[in-house]
Protein backbone atom coordinates (compact mmCIF):
# COMPACT_ATOMS: atom_id res chain seq x y z
CA UNK A 1 0.00 0.00 0.00
CA UNK A 2 1.42 3.35 -1.03
CA UNK A 3 1.92 6.03 1.60
CA UNK A 4 -0.62 8.79 1.91
CA UNK A 5 0.82 11.83 0.16
CA UNK A 6 -0.02 15.09 1.86
CA UNK A 7 2.07 17.28 -0.41
CA UNK A 8 4.04 16.71 -3.57
CA UNK A 9 5.24 18.90 -6.38
CA UNK A 10 5.01 17.07 -9.67
CA UNK A 11 7.07 19.26 -11.96
CA UNK A 12 10.75 19.98 -11.72
CA UNK A 13 11.30 23.74 -11.62
CA UNK A 14 14.54 25.35 -12.78
CA UNK A 15 17.15 25.42 -10.04
CA UNK A 16 17.13 28.78 -8.27
CA UNK A 17 18.77 28.29 -4.84
CA UNK A 18 17.56 30.37 -1.94
CA UNK A 19 19.93 33.14 -0.95
CA UNK A 20 21.22 33.32 2.61
CA UNK A 21 19.08 36.41 3.18
CA UNK A 22 15.98 34.42 2.27
CA UNK A 23 16.89 31.62 4.67
CA UNK A 24 18.54 33.37 7.61
CA UNK A 25 16.71 36.28 9.24
CA UNK A 26 18.49 36.85 12.56
CA UNK A 27 21.21 39.53 12.38
CA UNK A 28 23.54 37.67 14.75
CA UNK A 29 23.30 34.53 12.60
CA UNK A 30 23.96 36.55 9.44
CA UNK A 31 27.09 37.94 11.11
CA UNK A 32 28.22 34.40 11.88
CA UNK A 33 27.64 33.49 8.23
CA UNK A 34 29.69 36.45 7.01
CA UNK A 35 32.58 35.31 9.17
CA UNK A 36 32.24 31.78 7.81
CA UNK A 37 32.28 33.19 4.27
CA UNK A 38 35.54 35.03 4.95
CA UNK A 39 37.17 31.92 6.42
CA UNK A 40 35.97 29.70 3.55
CA UNK A 41 37.25 32.11 0.91
CA UNK A 42 40.61 32.39 2.65
CA UNK A 43 40.93 28.60 2.79
CA UNK A 44 39.47 28.17 -0.73
CA UNK A 45 36.77 25.79 0.43
CA UNK A 46 34.43 24.00 -1.99
CA UNK A 47 31.15 25.90 -2.56
CA UNK A 48 29.35 23.07 -0.77
CA UNK A 49 30.88 24.24 2.51
CA UNK A 50 29.23 27.65 2.41
CA UNK A 51 25.97 26.15 1.20
CA UNK A 52 26.11 23.76 4.16
CA UNK A 53 26.50 26.62 6.64
CA UNK A 54 23.66 28.53 5.03
CA UNK A 55 21.25 25.62 5.39
CA UNK A 56 22.50 24.73 8.87
CA UNK A 57 21.75 28.26 10.06
CA UNK A 58 18.29 27.83 8.55
CA UNK A 59 17.87 24.72 10.70
CA UNK A 60 18.97 26.61 13.81
CA UNK A 61 16.47 29.38 13.14
CA UNK A 62 13.55 27.06 12.37
CA UNK A 63 11.72 25.58 15.39
CA UNK A 64 11.65 21.77 15.20
CA UNK A 65 10.97 20.29 18.64
CA UNK A 66 10.67 16.55 19.01
CA UNK A 67 7.46 15.07 20.36
CA UNK A 68 6.16 16.09 23.78
CA UNK A 69 5.04 12.47 24.37
CA UNK A 70 1.37 13.33 23.99
CA UNK A 71 -0.45 10.51 22.25
CA UNK A 72 -0.97 10.61 19.35
CA UNK A 73 2.07 12.64 18.30
CA UNK A 74 1.40 16.27 17.47
CA UNK A 75 2.75 16.38 13.91
CA UNK A 76 2.34 20.15 13.69
CA UNK A 77 5.36 20.62 15.99
CA UNK A 78 7.57 19.89 12.97
CA UNK A 79 5.55 21.75 10.35
CA UNK A 80 7.90 24.76 10.35
CA UNK A 81 10.97 22.71 9.42
CA UNK A 82 8.99 20.65 6.92
CA UNK A 83 7.89 23.85 5.21
CA UNK A 84 11.42 25.30 5.22
CA UNK A 85 12.94 22.14 3.71
CA UNK A 86 10.16 21.88 1.15
CA UNK A 87 10.69 25.44 -0.08
CA UNK A 88 14.47 25.11 -0.26
CA UNK A 89 14.35 21.71 -2.01
CA UNK A 90 11.75 22.76 -4.55
CA UNK A 91 13.79 25.84 -5.38
CA UNK A 92 16.61 23.40 -6.22
CA UNK A 93 14.35 21.45 -8.57
CA UNK A 94 13.53 18.51 -6.30
CA UNK A 95 10.11 16.96 -5.64
CA UNK A 96 8.88 16.71 -2.06
CA UNK A 97 6.30 14.50 -0.38
CA UNK A 98 5.17 13.85 3.18
CA UNK A 99 3.87 10.47 4.28
CA UNK A 100 1.28 9.68 6.93
CA UNK A 101 4.00 9.09 9.55
CA UNK A 102 5.17 12.69 9.32
CA UNK A 103 8.33 11.89 7.35
CA UNK A 104 9.52 14.11 4.53
CA UNK A 105 10.89 12.52 1.34
CA UNK A 106 12.84 14.68 -1.13
CA UNK A 107 13.58 13.19 -4.57
CA UNK A 108 15.97 14.42 -7.23
CA UNK A 109 16.90 12.91 -10.60
CA UNK A 110 20.49 11.82 -11.03
CA UNK A 111 22.94 14.29 -12.50
CA UNK A 112 26.13 14.11 -14.54
CA UNK A 113 28.14 10.92 -14.24
CA UNK A 114 25.66 9.50 -11.73
CA UNK A 115 22.51 9.99 -13.78
CA UNK A 116 22.15 6.33 -14.78
CA UNK A 117 23.14 4.86 -11.42
CA UNK A 118 20.68 3.13 -9.01
CA UNK A 119 18.72 5.18 -6.50
CA UNK A 120 20.48 6.14 -3.26
CA UNK A 121 18.77 7.26 -0.06
CA UNK A 122 20.36 9.79 2.33
CA UNK A 123 18.66 9.73 5.71
CA UNK A 124 18.50 12.09 8.66
CA UNK A 125 15.81 13.33 11.03
CA UNK A 126 13.74 16.49 11.31
CA UNK A 127 13.50 16.98 15.05
CA UNK A 128 15.86 18.08 17.79
CA UNK A 129 16.24 17.58 21.54
CA UNK A 130 14.64 20.42 23.47
CA UNK A 131 16.49 21.27 26.66
CA UNK A 132 17.51 24.51 28.34
CA UNK A 133 19.07 25.72 31.53
CA UNK A 134 16.92 27.34 34.16
CA UNK A 135 16.27 30.96 33.29
CA UNK A 136 17.07 30.65 29.57
CA UNK A 137 13.46 31.47 28.72
CA UNK A 138 13.48 29.83 25.28
CA UNK A 139 10.27 28.80 23.52
CA UNK A 140 11.22 25.84 21.33
CA UNK A 141 7.85 25.96 19.59
CA UNK A 142 8.41 29.46 18.19
CA UNK A 143 11.84 30.97 18.94
CA UNK A 144 14.83 30.79 16.59
CA UNK A 145 18.15 29.61 18.00
CA UNK A 146 20.76 32.34 17.66
CA UNK A 147 24.38 31.24 17.59
CA UNK A 148 27.82 32.60 18.39
CA UNK A 149 31.42 31.55 17.94
CA UNK A 150 33.08 29.90 20.91
CA UNK A 151 36.74 29.42 21.84
CA UNK A 152 36.12 26.21 23.80
CA UNK A 153 39.00 23.73 23.99
CA UNK A 154 41.43 26.54 23.12
CA UNK A 155 40.39 26.68 19.46
CA UNK A 156 39.76 30.29 18.41
CA UNK A 157 36.26 30.51 16.94
CA UNK A 158 36.38 26.73 16.65
CA UNK A 159 32.80 26.04 17.64
CA UNK A 160 29.30 27.34 17.12
CA UNK A 161 27.14 27.47 20.23
CA UNK A 162 23.70 28.87 21.04
CA UNK A 163 23.68 32.35 22.57
CA UNK A 164 21.13 31.24 25.14
CA UNK A 165 21.76 28.17 27.30
CA UNK A 166 19.79 25.74 25.14
CA UNK A 167 20.40 22.74 22.96
CA UNK A 168 21.69 23.68 19.52
CA UNK A 169 20.03 21.26 17.12
CA UNK A 170 23.10 20.33 15.08
CA UNK A 171 21.81 16.81 15.69
CA UNK A 172 20.49 16.30 13.08
CA UNK A 173 20.43 19.67 11.37
CA UNK A 174 23.76 18.74 9.80
CA UNK A 175 22.06 15.99 7.76
CA UNK A 176 19.42 18.37 6.41
CA UNK A 177 22.07 20.97 5.61
CA UNK A 178 24.41 18.47 3.93
CA UNK A 179 21.64 17.12 1.70
CA UNK A 180 20.48 20.54 0.55
CA UNK A 181 24.05 21.75 0.07
CA UNK A 182 24.79 18.75 -2.13
CA UNK A 183 21.75 19.43 -4.30
CA UNK A 184 22.86 23.04 -4.72
CA UNK A 185 26.56 22.57 -5.47
CA UNK A 186 27.44 19.00 -6.52
CA UNK A 187 27.33 18.22 -10.25
CA UNK A 188 27.53 14.41 -10.22
CA UNK A 189 25.22 12.18 -8.17
CA UNK A 190 22.84 9.23 -8.63
CA UNK A 191 19.06 9.57 -8.40
CA UNK A 192 18.54 10.61 -4.80
CA UNK A 193 15.95 10.13 -2.11
CA UNK A 194 16.43 12.18 1.03
CA UNK A 195 14.44 10.76 3.89
CA UNK A 196 13.96 13.00 6.92
CA UNK A 197 12.14 11.12 9.68
CA UNK A 198 10.05 12.56 12.48
CA UNK A 199 10.62 12.36 16.23
CA UNK A 200 13.86 10.37 16.16
CA UNK A 201 15.01 11.91 19.42
CA UNK A 202 12.03 10.64 21.38
CA UNK A 203 9.87 7.79 20.09
CA UNK A 204 11.12 7.05 16.54
CA UNK A 205 7.58 7.42 15.24
CA UNK A 206 8.65 8.35 11.72
CA UNK A 207 11.14 5.52 11.24
CA UNK A 208 8.96 2.90 12.90
CA UNK A 209 5.97 3.78 10.74
CA UNK A 210 7.70 4.22 7.39
CA UNK A 211 5.94 1.91 4.95
CA UNK A 212 8.30 -0.48 3.10
CA UNK A 213 6.96 0.58 -0.30
CA UNK A 214 7.87 4.24 0.25
CA UNK A 215 11.50 4.17 -0.88
CA UNK A 216 12.84 3.31 -4.31
CA UNK A 217 16.41 2.96 -3.06
CA UNK A 218 18.12 -0.30 -2.17
CA UNK A 219 20.99 1.52 -0.46
CA UNK A 220 20.74 3.98 2.40
CA UNK A 221 23.34 6.19 4.09
CA UNK A 222 22.42 7.43 7.55
CA UNK A 223 23.82 10.91 8.20
CA UNK A 224 23.43 10.91 11.98
CA UNK A 225 26.86 9.99 13.33
CA UNK A 226 29.57 11.40 15.59
CA UNK A 227 32.44 9.92 13.57
CA UNK A 228 34.13 12.22 11.05
CA UNK A 229 35.63 10.91 7.81
CA UNK A 230 34.29 7.41 8.46
CA UNK A 231 31.59 5.17 7.00
CA UNK A 232 30.08 2.78 9.52
CA UNK A 233 28.78 -0.42 7.96
CA UNK A 234 27.22 -1.92 11.07
CA UNK A 235 26.12 -0.77 14.51
CA UNK A 236 23.89 -1.70 17.41
CA UNK A 237 20.16 -1.25 17.00
CA UNK A 238 17.62 -0.17 19.57
CA UNK A 239 14.09 -0.99 20.62
CA UNK A 240 11.48 0.54 22.87
CA UNK A 241 9.04 -0.94 25.35
CA UNK A 242 6.17 1.05 26.80
CA UNK A 243 4.86 0.08 30.23
CA UNK A 244 1.82 1.51 31.93
CA UNK A 245 1.48 0.73 35.63
CA UNK A 246 -1.48 1.57 37.85
CA UNK A 247 -0.66 4.16 40.50
CA UNK A 248 -2.69 4.65 43.66
CA UNK A 249 -2.26 8.07 45.21
CA UNK A 250 -3.04 8.95 48.80
CA UNK A 251 -2.89 12.11 50.90
CA UNK A 252 0.53 13.69 51.30
CA UNK A 253 2.25 13.05 54.61
CA UNK A 254 5.36 14.72 55.95
CA UNK A 255 5.73 12.39 58.92
CA UNK A 256 9.30 11.13 58.97
CA UNK A 257 10.00 12.55 55.49
CA UNK A 258 12.30 15.36 54.40
CA UNK A 259 11.55 16.56 50.85
CA UNK A 260 14.62 17.54 48.86
CA UNK A 261 15.31 18.94 45.41
CA UNK A 262 18.43 17.92 43.46
CA UNK A 263 19.88 19.93 40.57
CA UNK A 264 22.96 19.26 38.43
CA UNK A 265 24.33 22.12 36.36
CA UNK A 266 27.50 23.75 35.02
CA UNK A 267 28.69 20.75 33.03
CA UNK A 268 30.41 20.90 29.64
CA UNK A 269 27.40 19.68 27.66
CA UNK A 270 27.25 17.68 24.45
CA UNK A 271 25.67 14.49 23.19
CA UNK A 272 24.70 12.06 25.91
CA UNK A 273 25.89 9.15 23.76
CA UNK A 274 29.51 10.32 23.45
CA UNK A 275 29.94 13.17 25.94
CA UNK A 276 28.21 11.73 29.00
CA UNK A 277 31.50 11.67 30.93
CA UNK A 278 31.79 15.46 30.55
């Protein structure tokens, strides 16, 4: 059974990439981009590098919170990033569809030397972890994430970090940015499917409910990894179990009890999978 298509463009428009001014609206983020442009030009980087930064800043500015665990999932929480990706991809000549699991699938004909090759799927996820320190006052449903350069680890301007004490969303904004940057700047690639799944950070709803008939590709590259310059051909999988236990509540009693509140703060931060020791 084919997936339910909620949106799809059926004609390939001429490629007219979005400018950075169309994608990035916050002045502080535009200043970061200008500095990245200067560094890229000095180091003679491939045009894909600047395109990547442009689309990554778009991801930072576009609210894309993962599910709030309400059942059923509130798909509208990711509508802003779906819309942003759709507009950018269609401007590059790609077709876009959304399935009934909330996933976004971007398709592009092969180009140059790869035009006659088999389909290839590049996969990432739409959502991000929503977490902030006390007092940050960030609304993940509506607020953009503004970024700054950081000199952490002694590297001058070596990192991008949020201005407010929130999560950044590079996981997995880098996959979205890399895919769009490739469409804009690379001249040789096979027919491509770019699968962006919903709610990976919480309940994997998009991946778990992707219908087998959705993809044309027999090969898939997952772009959600912490390892640079490496291709991982096998890794551990995961599964989820949901348990619901009856709870009987009674009147509160302070007899013999001392209520306490525990907070942990001031740590380095990072991804819990690889930076938990920090």
